[in-house]
C-alpha atoms as a PDB file:
ATOM      1  CA  MET A   1       0.000   0.000   0.000  1.00  0.00           C
ATOM      2  CA  ILE A   2       1.332   3.409  -1.017  1.00  0.00           C
ATOM      3  CA  ARG A   3       1.159   6.034   1.606  1.00  0.00           C
ATOM      4  CA  SER A   4       1.698   9.687   0.850  1.00  0.00           C
ATOM      5  CA  PRO A   5       3.394  11.951   3.388  1.00  0.00           C
ATOM      6  CA  ASN A   6       1.376  14.146   5.630  1.00  0.00           C
ATOM      7  CA  LYS A   7       0.712  17.564   4.342  1.00  0.00           C
ATOM      8  CA  CYS A   8       2.418  20.498   5.871  1.00  0.00           C
ATOM      9  CA  ASN A   9       0.330  22.605   8.143  1.00  0.00           C
ATOM     10  CA  SER A  10       1.280  25.691   6.211  1.00  0.00           C
ATOM     11  CA  ASP A  11      -0.962  26.905   3.518  1.00  0.00           C
ATOM     12  CA  PRO A  12       0.436  25.865   0.113  1.00  0.00           C
ATOM     13  CA  TYR A  13      -1.156  28.776  -1.502  1.00  0.00           C
ATOM     14  CA  LEU A  14       0.238  31.358   0.896  1.00  0.00           C
ATOM     15  CA  ILE A  15       2.550  32.993  -1.613  1.00  0.00           C
ATOM     16  CA  GLN A  16      -0.120  33.407  -4.124  1.00  0.00           C
ATOM     17  CA  TYR A  17      -2.460  34.734  -1.521  1.00  0.00           C
ATOM     18  CA  VAL A  18       0.082  37.297  -0.511  1.00  0.00           C
ATOM     19  CA  LEU A  19       0.774  38.363  -4.046  1.00  0.00           C
ATOM     20  CA  SER A  20      -2.829  38.745  -4.862  1.00  0.00           C
ATOM     21  CA  ASP A  21      -5.914  38.317  -2.807  1.00  0.00           C
ATOM     22  CA  ASN A  22      -8.018  37.855  -5.909  1.00  0.00           C
ATOM     23  CA  CYS A  23      -5.876  35.123  -7.329  1.00  0.00           C
ATOM     24  CA  SER A  24      -7.624  31.832  -7.831  1.00  0.00           C
ATOM     25  CA  PRO A  25      -6.181  28.588  -6.516  1.00  0.00           C
ATOM     26  CA  PRO A  26      -3.677  26.930  -8.819  1.00  0.00           C
ATOM     27  CA  PRO A  27      -4.657  23.894 -10.719  1.00  0.00           C
ATOM     28  CA  PRO A  28      -3.848  20.512  -9.278  1.00  0.00           C
ATOM     29  CA  ASN A  29      -1.146  19.843 -11.824  1.00  0.00           C
ATOM     30  CA  PHE A  30       0.666  23.140 -11.187  1.00  0.00           C
ATOM     31  CA  VAL A  31       4.403  22.795 -10.564  1.00  0.00           C
ATOM     32  CA  ASN A  32       6.052  25.602  -8.632  1.00  0.00           C
ATOM     33  CA  SER A  33       9.742  26.139  -9.511  1.00  0.00           C
ATOM     34  CA  ARG A  34      12.109  27.732  -6.963  1.00  0.00           C
ATOM     35  CA  ILE A  35      14.570  30.237  -8.397  1.00  0.00           C
ATOM     36  CA  LYS A  36      17.858  30.458  -6.372  1.00  0.00           C
ATOM     37  CA  ARG A  37      19.429  33.869  -6.003  1.00  0.00           C
ATOM     38  CA  LYS A  38      22.683  34.221  -7.917  1.00  0.00           C
ATOM     39  CA  ARG A  39      25.948  34.476  -5.891  1.00  0.00           C
ATOM     40  CA  CYS A  40      27.700  37.860  -5.922  1.00  0.00           C
ATOM     41  CA  VAL A  41      31.026  37.210  -7.726  1.00  0.00           C
ATOM     42  CA  LYS A  42      32.592  40.558  -6.738  1.00  0.00           C
ATOM     43  CA  GLN A  43      32.135  39.978  -3.010  1.00  0.00           C
ATOM     44  CA  LEU A  44      33.640  36.513  -3.312  1.00  0.00           C
ATOM     45  CA  SER A  45      36.685  37.892  -5.133  1.00  0.00           C
ATOM     46  CA  ASP A  46      37.191  40.599  -2.505  1.00  0.00           C
ATOM     47  CA  PHE A  47      37.009  38.023   0.261  1.00  0.00           C
ATOM     48  CA  GLU A  48      39.566  35.788  -1.452  1.00  0.00           C
ATOM     49  CA  ASP A  49      41.884  38.765  -1.870  1.00  0.00           C
ATOM     50  CA  PHE A  50      41.471  39.600   1.796  1.00  0.00           C
ATOM     51  CA  LYS A  51      42.272  36.024   2.820  1.00  0.00           C
ATOM     52  CA  GLN A  52      45.407  36.001   0.649  1.00  0.00           C
ATOM     53  CA  GLU A  53      46.465  39.326   2.079  1.00  0.00           C
ATOM     54  CA  MET A  54      46.062  37.955   5.595  1.00  0.00           C
ATOM     55  CA  ARG A  55      48.059  34.836   4.674  1.00  0.00           C
ATOM     56  CA  ASP A  56      50.890  36.990   3.316  1.00  0.00           C
ATOM     57  CA  LEU A  57      50.761  39.204   6.380  1.00  0.00           C
ATOM     58  CA  PHE A  58      50.960  36.242   8.758  1.00  0.00           C
ATOM     59  CA  ALA A  59      53.799  34.726   6.725  1.00  0.00           C
ATOM     60  CA  THR A  60      55.706  38.010   6.962  1.00  0.00           C
ATOM     61  CA  LEU A  61      55.016  38.213  10.690  1.00  0.00           C
ATOM     62  CA  MET A  62      56.276  34.656  11.184  1.00  0.00           C
ATOM     63  CA  THR A  63      59.473  35.465   9.305  1.00  0.00           C
ATOM     64  CA  GLN A  64      59.953  38.588  11.392  1.00  0.00           C
ATOM     65  CA  GLN A  65      59.302  36.610  14.557  1.00  0.00           C
ATOM     66  CA  LYS A  66      61.972  34.092  13.557  1.00  0.00           C
ATOM     67  CA  ASP A  67      64.441  36.916  12.880  1.00  0.00           C
ATOM     68  CA  ILE A  68      63.624  38.538  16.209  1.00  0.00           C
ATOM     69  CA  LEU A  69      64.036  35.189  17.958  1.00  0.00           C
ATOM     70  CA  ALA A  70      67.435  34.660  16.333  1.00  0.00           C
ATOM     71  CA  THR A  71      68.476  38.193  17.290  1.00  0.00           C
ATOM     72  CA  ASN A  72      67.364  37.647  20.877  1.00  0.00           C
ATOM     73  CA  GLN A  73      69.365  34.425  21.019  1.00  0.00           C
ATOM     74  CA  ASP A  74      72.459  36.249  19.765  1.00  0.00           C
ATOM     75  CA  ILE A  75      71.912  38.991  22.334  1.00  0.00           C
ATOM     76  CA  GLU A  76      71.528  36.384  25.052  1.00  0.00           C
ATOM     77  CA  LYS A  77      74.805  34.748  24.016  1.00  0.00           C
ATOM     78  CA  SER A  78      76.540  38.134  23.995  1.00  0.00           C
ATOM     79  CA  ILE A  79      75.196  38.952  27.435  1.00  0.00           C
ATOM     80  CA  SER A  80      76.370  35.584  28.737  1.00  0.00           C
ATOM     81  CA  PHE A  81      79.837  36.189  27.281  1.00  0.00           C
ATOM     82  CA  LEU A  82      80.021  39.702  28.730  1.00  0.00           C
ATOM     83  CA  SER A  83      78.852  38.375  32.066  1.00  0.00           C
ATOM     84  CA  SER A  84      81.627  35.788  32.116  1.00  0.00           C
ATOM     85  CA  GLN A  85      84.146  38.440  31.077  1.00  0.00           C
ATOM     86  CA  TYR A  86      82.929  40.718  33.837  1.00  0.00           C
ATOM     87  CA  ASP A  87      83.297  37.922  36.357  1.00  0.00           C
ATOM     88  CA  ASP A  88      86.878  37.312  35.212  1.00  0.00           C
ATOM     89  CA  LEU A  89      87.653  41.023  35.323  1.00  0.00           C
ATOM     90  CA  SER A  90      86.097  41.322  38.751  1.00  0.00           C
ATOM     91  CA  ARG A  91      88.287  38.494  40.034  1.00  0.00           C
ATOM     92  CA  LYS A  92      91.372  40.114  38.543  1.00  0.00           C
ATOM     93  CA  VAL A  93      90.501  43.441  40.148  1.00  0.00           C
ATOM     94  CA  CYS A  94      90.084  41.697  43.480  1.00  0.00           C
ATOM     95  CA  ASP A  95      93.480  40.032  43.024  1.00  0.00           C
ATOM     96  CA  ILE A  96      95.075  43.368  42.143  1.00  0.00           C
ATOM     97  CA  GLU A  97      93.490  44.987  45.180  1.00  0.00           C
ATOM     98  CA  GLU A  98      94.897  42.223  47.344  1.00  0.00           C
ATOM     99  CA  VAL A  99      98.371  42.676  45.851  1.00  0.00           C
ATOM    100  CA  ARG A 100      98.062  46.432  46.339  1.00  0.00           C
ATOM    101  CA  ARG A 101      97.093  45.939  49.964  1.00  0.00           C
ATOM    102  CA  LYS A 102     100.119  43.717  50.556  1.00  0.00           C
ATOM    103  CA  ASP A 103     102.381  46.203  48.760  1.00  0.00           C
ATOM    104  CA  LEU A 104     101.108  49.021  50.954  1.00  0.00           C
ATOM    105  CA  GLU A 105     101.795  46.932  54.029  1.00  0.00           C
ATOM    106  CA  TYR A 106     105.310  46.218  52.776  1.00  0.00           C
ATOM    107  CA  ILE A 107     105.874  49.907  52.017  1.00  0.00           C
ATOM    108  CA  MET A 108     104.818  50.787  55.546  1.00  0.00           C
ATOM    109  CA  ILE A 109     107.307  48.253  56.886  1.00  0.00           C
ATOM    110  CA  LEU A 110     110.058  49.774  54.746  1.00  0.00           C
ATOM    111  CA  GLU A 111     109.099  53.284  55.840  1.00  0.00           C
ATOM    112  CA  ASP A 112     109.496  52.194  59.435  1.00  0.00           C
ATOM    113  CA  LYS A 113     112.977  50.877  58.658  1.00  0.00           C
ATOM    114  CA  ILE A 114     114.154  53.756  56.487  1.00  0.00           C
ATOM    115  CA  GLY A 115     114.627  57.118  58.114  1.00  0.00           C
ATOM    116  CA  ASP A 116     115.690  59.357  55.242  1.00  0.00           C
ATOM    117  CA  LEU A 117     116.545  58.490  51.674  1.00  0.00           C
ATOM    118  CA  HIS A 118     118.853  60.863  49.831  1.00  0.00           C
ATOM    119  CA  LEU A 119     120.006  60.860  46.223  1.00  0.00           C
ATOM    120  CA  LEU A 120     123.463  62.397  46.072  1.00  0.00           C
ATOM    121  CA  PRO A 121     124.965  62.730  42.605  1.00  0.00           C
ATOM    122  CA  VAL A 122     128.730  62.657  43.262  1.00  0.00           C
ATOM    123  CA  LYS A 123     130.613  63.785  40.183  1.00  0.00           C
ATOM    124  CA  ARG A 124     134.145  65.011  39.522  1.00  0.00           C
ATOM    125  CA  VAL A 125     135.350  63.964  42.974  1.00  0.00           C
ATOM    126  CA  ARG A 126     139.045  63.552  43.615  1.00  0.00           C
ATOM    127  CA  SER A 127     140.916  62.652  46.821  1.00  0.00           C
ATOM    128  CA  SER A 128     139.829  58.980  46.498  1.00  0.00           C
ATOM    129  CA  GLY A 129     136.215  59.876  47.243  1.00  0.00           C
ATOM    130  CA  THR A 130     136.829  60.092  50.993  1.00  0.00           C
ATOM    131  CA  THR A 131     135.019  63.405  51.393  1.00  0.00           C
ATOM    132  CA  ALA A 132     131.985  62.288  49.414  1.00  0.00           C
ATOM    133  CA  PHE A 133     131.449  59.065  51.361  1.00  0.00           C
ATOM    134  CA  GLN A 134     132.119  60.818  54.668  1.00  0.00           C
ATOM    135  CA  ASN A 135     129.354  63.300  53.822  1.00  0.00           C
ATOM    136  CA  ILE A 136     127.011  60.416  53.014  1.00  0.00           C
ATOM    137  CA  SER A 137     127.827  58.800  56.349  1.00  0.00           C
ATOM    138  CA  ASP A 138     127.048  62.051  58.170  1.00  0.00           C
ATOM    139  CA  ILE A 139     123.629  62.243  56.482  1.00  0.00           C
ATOM    140  CA  LEU A 140     122.556  58.648  57.128  1.00  0.00           C
ATOM    141  CA  ASN A 141     120.952  57.592  60.396  1.00  0.00           C
ATOM    142  CA  ASN A 142     122.103  54.515  62.241  1.00  0.00           C
ATOM    143  CA  GLN A 143     121.318  51.389  60.241  1.00  0.00           C
ATOM    144  CA  GLY A 144     120.915  53.590  57.151  1.00  0.00           C
ATOM    145  CA  SER A 145     121.989  52.211  53.788  1.00  0.00           C
ATOM    146  CA  CYS A 146     123.533  53.606  50.621  1.00  0.00           C
ATOM    147  CA  PHE A 147     123.620  52.423  47.014  1.00  0.00           C
ATOM    148  CA  ALA A 148     126.246  54.038  44.789  1.00  0.00           C
ATOM    149  CA  ILE A 149     127.893  53.728  41.391  1.00  0.00           C
ATOM    150  CA  VAL A 150     131.457  55.033  41.099  1.00  0.00           C
ATOM    151  CA  GLY A 151     133.318  55.526  37.842  1.00  0.00           C
ATOM    152  CA  GLY A 152     136.408  53.403  37.275  1.00  0.00           C
ATOM    153  CA  LYS A 153     138.656  52.977  34.270  1.00  0.00           C
ATOM    154  CA  GLU A 154     137.462  54.705  31.098  1.00  0.00           C
ATOM    155  CA  SER A 155     139.102  55.435  27.776  1.00  0.00           C
ATOM    156  CA  LEU A 156     137.433  58.850  27.993  1.00  0.00           C
ATOM    157  CA  PHE A 157     139.705  59.812  30.912  1.00  0.00           C
ATOM    158  CA  ASP A 158     142.789  58.621  29.033  1.00  0.00           C
ATOM    159  CA  ALA A 159     141.739  60.685  26.018  1.00  0.00           C
ATOM    160  CA  TYR A 160     141.333  63.782  28.215  1.00  0.00           C
ATOM    161  CA  ARG A 161     144.897  63.425  29.475  1.00  0.00           C
ATOM    162  CA  THR A 162     146.330  62.866  26.013  1.00  0.00           C
ATOM    163  CA  LEU A 163     144.581  65.813  24.375  1.00  0.00           C
ATOM    164  CA  ALA A 164     145.435  68.083  27.329  1.00  0.00           C
ATOM    165  CA  LYS A 165     149.113  67.644  26.441  1.00  0.00           C
ATOM    166  CA  THR A 166     148.680  68.757  22.828  1.00  0.00           C
ATOM    167  CA  GLU A 167     149.182  72.349  21.731  1.00  0.00           C
ATOM    168  CA  LYS A 168     145.899  72.272  19.872  1.00  0.00           C
ATOM    169  CA  TRP A 169     143.676  71.515  22.881  1.00  0.00           C
ATOM    170  CA  LYS A 170     145.784  72.542  25.860  1.00  0.00           C
ATOM    171  CA  PRO A 171     144.158  76.008  26.169  1.00  0.00           C
ATOM    172  CA  TRP A 172     140.727  74.500  26.775  1.00  0.00           C
ATOM    173  CA  LEU A 173     141.486  71.281  28.692  1.00  0.00           C
ATOM    174  CA  ILE A 174     142.412  72.813  32.028  1.00  0.00           C
ATOM    175  CA  ASP A 175     142.778  70.973  35.358  1.00  0.00           C
ATOM    176  CA  VAL A 176     142.013  67.613  33.716  1.00  0.00           C
ATOM    177  CA  GLU A 177     142.850  65.496  36.784  1.00  0.00           C
ATOM    178  CA  ARG A 178     139.972  67.109  38.628  1.00  0.00           C
ATOM    179  CA  TYR A 179     137.512  65.377  36.322  1.00  0.00           C
ATOM    180  CA  ILE A 180     139.063  61.895  36.313  1.00  0.00           C
ATOM    181  CA  SER A 181     137.839  59.144  38.642  1.00  0.00           C
ATOM    182  CA  PRO A 182     140.158  58.488  41.604  1.00  0.00           C
ATOM    183  CA  TYR A 183     139.966  54.792  40.726  1.00  0.00           C
ATOM    184  CA  HIS A 184     140.949  55.197  37.079  1.00  0.00           C
ATOM    185  CA  ASP A 185     144.627  54.422  37.777  1.00  0.00           C
ATOM    186  CA  SER A 186     144.018  51.989  40.629  1.00  0.00           C
ATOM    187  CA  GLN A 187     145.575  48.541  40.377  1.00  0.00           C
ATOM    188  CA  ASP A 188     142.973  47.051  42.713  1.00  0.00           C
ATOM    189  CA  SER A 189     139.985  49.391  42.904  1.00  0.00           C
ATOM    190  CA  LEU A 190     137.820  46.895  44.814  1.00  0.00           C
ATOM    191  CA  LYS A 191     140.366  46.548  47.600  1.00  0.00           C
ATOM    192  CA  GLU A 192     140.867  50.305  47.866  1.00  0.00           C
ATOM    193  CA  MET A 193     137.116  50.906  47.988  1.00  0.00           C
ATOM    194  CA  GLN A 194     136.669  48.186  50.639  1.00  0.00           C
ATOM    195  CA  GLN A 195     139.307  49.784  52.851  1.00  0.00           C
ATOM    196  CA  LEU A 196     137.852  53.275  52.386  1.00  0.00           C
ATOM    197  CA  LEU A 197     134.300  52.226  53.268  1.00  0.00           C
ATOM    198  CA  GLY A 198     135.437  50.288  56.332  1.00  0.00           C
ATOM    199  CA  LYS A 199     137.497  53.231  57.529  1.00  0.00           C
ATOM    200  CA  ILE A 200     134.512  55.573  57.326  1.00  0.00           C
ATOM    201  CA  GLY A 201     132.275  53.120  59.196  1.00  0.00           C
ATOM    202  CA  PHE A 202     130.257  51.329  56.531  1.00  0.00           C
ATOM    203  CA  THR A 203     129.393  47.645  56.421  1.00  0.00           C
ATOM    204  CA  VAL A 204     129.795  46.473  52.834  1.00  0.00           C
ATOM    205  CA  LYS A 205     126.844  44.380  51.658  1.00  0.00           C
ATOM    206  CA  LYS A 206     127.774  44.344  47.992  1.00  0.00           C
ATOM    207  CA  LEU A 207     130.818  45.547  46.074  1.00  0.00           C
ATOM    208  CA  GLU A 208     131.734  44.587  42.521  1.00  0.00           C
ATOM    209  CA  ASP A 209     133.157  46.039  39.343  1.00  0.00           C
ATOM    210  CA  LYS A 210     131.282  45.911  36.051  1.00  0.00           C
ATOM    211  CA  ILE A 211     131.887  46.833  32.437  1.00  0.00           C
ATOM    212  CA  ILE A 212     128.961  48.637  30.858  1.00  0.00           C
ATOM    213  CA  VAL A 213     128.776  48.680  27.056  1.00  0.00           C
ATOM    214  CA  HIS A 214     126.589  51.360  25.466  1.00  0.00           C
ATOM    215  CA  ASN A 215     125.699  50.719  21.822  1.00  0.00           C
ATOM    216  CA  TYR A 216     124.517  53.648  19.693  1.00  0.00           C
ATOM    217  CA  GLU A 217     122.770  53.711  16.337  1.00  0.00           C
ATOM    218  CA  ASN A 218     125.114  56.177  14.689  1.00  0.00           C
ATOM    219  CA  GLN A 219     127.969  58.593  15.283  1.00  0.00           C
ATOM    220  CA  GLU A 220     125.658  61.486  16.098  1.00  0.00           C
ATOM    221  CA  ASP A 221     124.087  59.570  18.987  1.00  0.00           C
ATOM    222  CA  LEU A 222     127.547  58.619  20.276  1.00  0.00           C
ATOM    223  CA  LYS A 223     128.660  62.234  19.955  1.00  0.00           C
ATOM    224  CA  SER A 224     125.656  63.485  21.933  1.00  0.00           C
ATOM    225  CA  ALA A 225     126.347  61.007  24.741  1.00  0.00           C
ATOM    226  CA  ILE A 226     130.060  61.810  25.062  1.00  0.00           C
ATOM    227  CA  MET A 227     129.795  65.568  24.665  1.00  0.00           C
ATOM    228  CA  SER A 228     126.892  65.815  27.126  1.00  0.00           C
ATOM    229  CA  VAL A 229     129.280  64.984  30.007  1.00  0.00           C
ATOM    230  CA  LEU A 230     132.153  67.098  28.714  1.00  0.00           C
ATOM    231  CA  PRO A 231     133.324  69.368  31.593  1.00  0.00           C
ATOM    232  CA  PHE A 232     135.398  71.669  29.383  1.00  0.00           C
ATOM    233  CA  LYS A 233     134.289  74.763  27.473  1.00  0.00           C
ATOM    234  CA  ILE A 234     135.162  74.096  23.862  1.00  0.00           C
ATOM    235  CA  PRO A 235     134.427  76.890  21.333  1.00  0.00           C
ATOM    236  CA  ASP A 236     131.491  76.177  19.072  1.00  0.00           C
ATOM    237  CA  GLU A 237     133.584  76.387  15.922  1.00  0.00           C
ATOM    238  CA  LEU A 238     135.933  73.697  17.304  1.00  0.00           C
ATOM    239  CA  TYR A 239     133.233  71.483  18.766  1.00  0.00           C
ATOM    240  CA  ASP A 240     133.049  68.924  15.947  1.00  0.00           C
ATOM    241  CA  ASP A 241     136.809  68.888  15.476  1.00  0.00           C
ATOM    242  CA  PHE A 242     137.337  68.215  19.176  1.00  0.00           C
ATOM    243  CA  PHE A 243     134.929  65.284  19.125  1.00  0.00           C
ATOM    244  CA  ILE A 244     136.762  63.704  16.186  1.00  0.00           C
ATOM    245  CA  ASP A 245     140.114  63.880  17.994  1.00  0.00           C
ATOM    246  CA  LEU A 246     138.568  62.730  21.267  1.00  0.00           C
ATOM    247  CA  SER A 247     136.813  59.710  19.727  1.00  0.00           C
ATOM    248  CA  GLN A 248     139.988  58.661  17.886  1.00  0.00           C
ATOM    249  CA  GLU A 249     141.971  58.723  21.120  1.00  0.00           C
ATOM    250  CA  MET A 250     139.244  56.727  22.857  1.00  0.00           C
ATOM    251  CA  HIS A 251     139.314  54.157  20.036  1.00  0.00           C
ATOM    252  CA  MET A 252     143.053  53.697  20.485  1.00  0.00           C
ATOM    253  CA  PHE A 253     142.773  53.152  24.253  1.00  0.00           C
ATOM    254  CA  ASP A 254     139.732  50.851  23.908  1.00  0.00           C
ATOM    255  CA  THR A 255     141.519  48.542  21.475  1.00  0.00           C
ATOM    256  CA  GLU A 256     145.148  48.747  22.644  1.00  0.00           C
ATOM    257  CA  LYS A 257     145.012  49.364  26.406  1.00  0.00           C
ATOM    258  CA  TYR A 258     141.748  47.678  27.440  1.00  0.00           C
ATOM    259  CA  ASN A 259     141.487  45.149  24.589  1.00  0.00           C
ATOM    260  CA  TYR A 260     137.799  45.760  23.991  1.00  0.00           C
ATOM    261  CA  LYS A 261     136.286  44.100  20.952  1.00  0.00           C
ATOM    262  CA  ASN A 262     134.361  47.242  19.947  1.00  0.00           C
ATOM    263  CA  SER A 263     135.200  50.901  20.310  1.00  0.00           C
ATOM    264  CA  THR A 264     134.020  54.383  19.390  1.00  0.00           C
ATOM    265  CA  ASN A 265     134.652  53.518  15.735  1.00  0.00           C
ATOM    266  CA  ASP A 266     131.782  51.030  16.117  1.00  0.00           C
ATOM    267  CA  PHE A 267     129.586  53.618  17.901  1.00  0.00           C
ATOM    268  CA  VAL A 268     130.272  51.886  21.235  1.00  0.00           C
ATOM    269  CA  LEU A 269     131.100  53.503  24.572  1.00  0.00           C
ATOM    270  CA  ASN A 270     132.790  51.229  27.135  1.00  0.00           C
ATOM    271  CA  VAL A 271     132.653  52.203  30.816  1.00  0.00           C
ATOM    272  CA  GLN A 272     134.039  50.432  33.893  1.00  0.00           C
ATOM    273  CA  ILE A 273     132.172  51.137  37.135  1.00  0.00           C
ATOM    274  CA  LEU A 274     132.150  50.106  40.782  1.00  0.00           C
ATOM    275  CA  VAL A 275     128.754  49.100  42.168  1.00  0.00           C
ATOM    276  CA  LEU A 276     128.351  49.136  45.935  1.00  0.00           C
ATOM    277  CA  TYR A 277     125.664  48.745  48.555  1.00  0.00           C
ATOM    278  CA  VAL A 278     126.628  49.568  52.139  1.00  0.00           C
ATOM    279  CA  GLU A 279     125.010  50.076  55.538  1.00  0.00           C
ATOM    280  CA  LYS A 280     126.054  52.447  58.260  1.00  0.00           C
ATOM    281  CA  LYS A 281     127.231  50.764  61.436  1.00  0.00           C
ATOM    282  CA  CYS A 282     125.571  51.575  64.749  1.00  0.00           C
END
């Protein structure tokens, strides 16, 4: 048995009734067709463009986020490195402060031990240096100490003596012996110095002779060094000529008397000195 579905409660002729009250009912075989409204193509296109624009925007934002993340990671690494460097520097500063503190303590100890410290440049002293060292002894307190360097044998002194005997330079090289070390002609300068210091009242802690070799780049530098300690007044017009004669005499004594390997001809100045460190007895 064929059963038809129940009819809808709504009036099937409602539309027609609304359109026209005078309209007659449709025939039984009337077929009503529904017409669907057409889609708006322009709105759809605008929406698709908007979606694509949003996709591009989000893609750009993601790329920027990745770049920012990478930059932040680099900054974090840099901060970590700087932090470690700061820690190392802080430790070094602490170590330096500790060393400084100990140095200050040591300086205070030395200040308690040292009464007065005097620098006495003793130059052009004759009479075996007795007067100079006696003056030093008078200045020092008990248990005071003295460090000194005394000139010994030098070809410069020999050259002074030689040129002072020549007619050419005799007028300007006056009282040459006054400017020569008292130990220049000594056969045993260490022994003489030891006896002198003991006689004055010093306890010798260190006493030795040394040969100091000064090497210069050129003749002008050698000339400046030698002429800077020249005690004689040489006329300006004879200045260069005097240096030539002086350096030649020094070369002869360096090579023949003292048997040095190098001399003023090699821009070398050889100097023998006495180095001493003494303390004053109570």
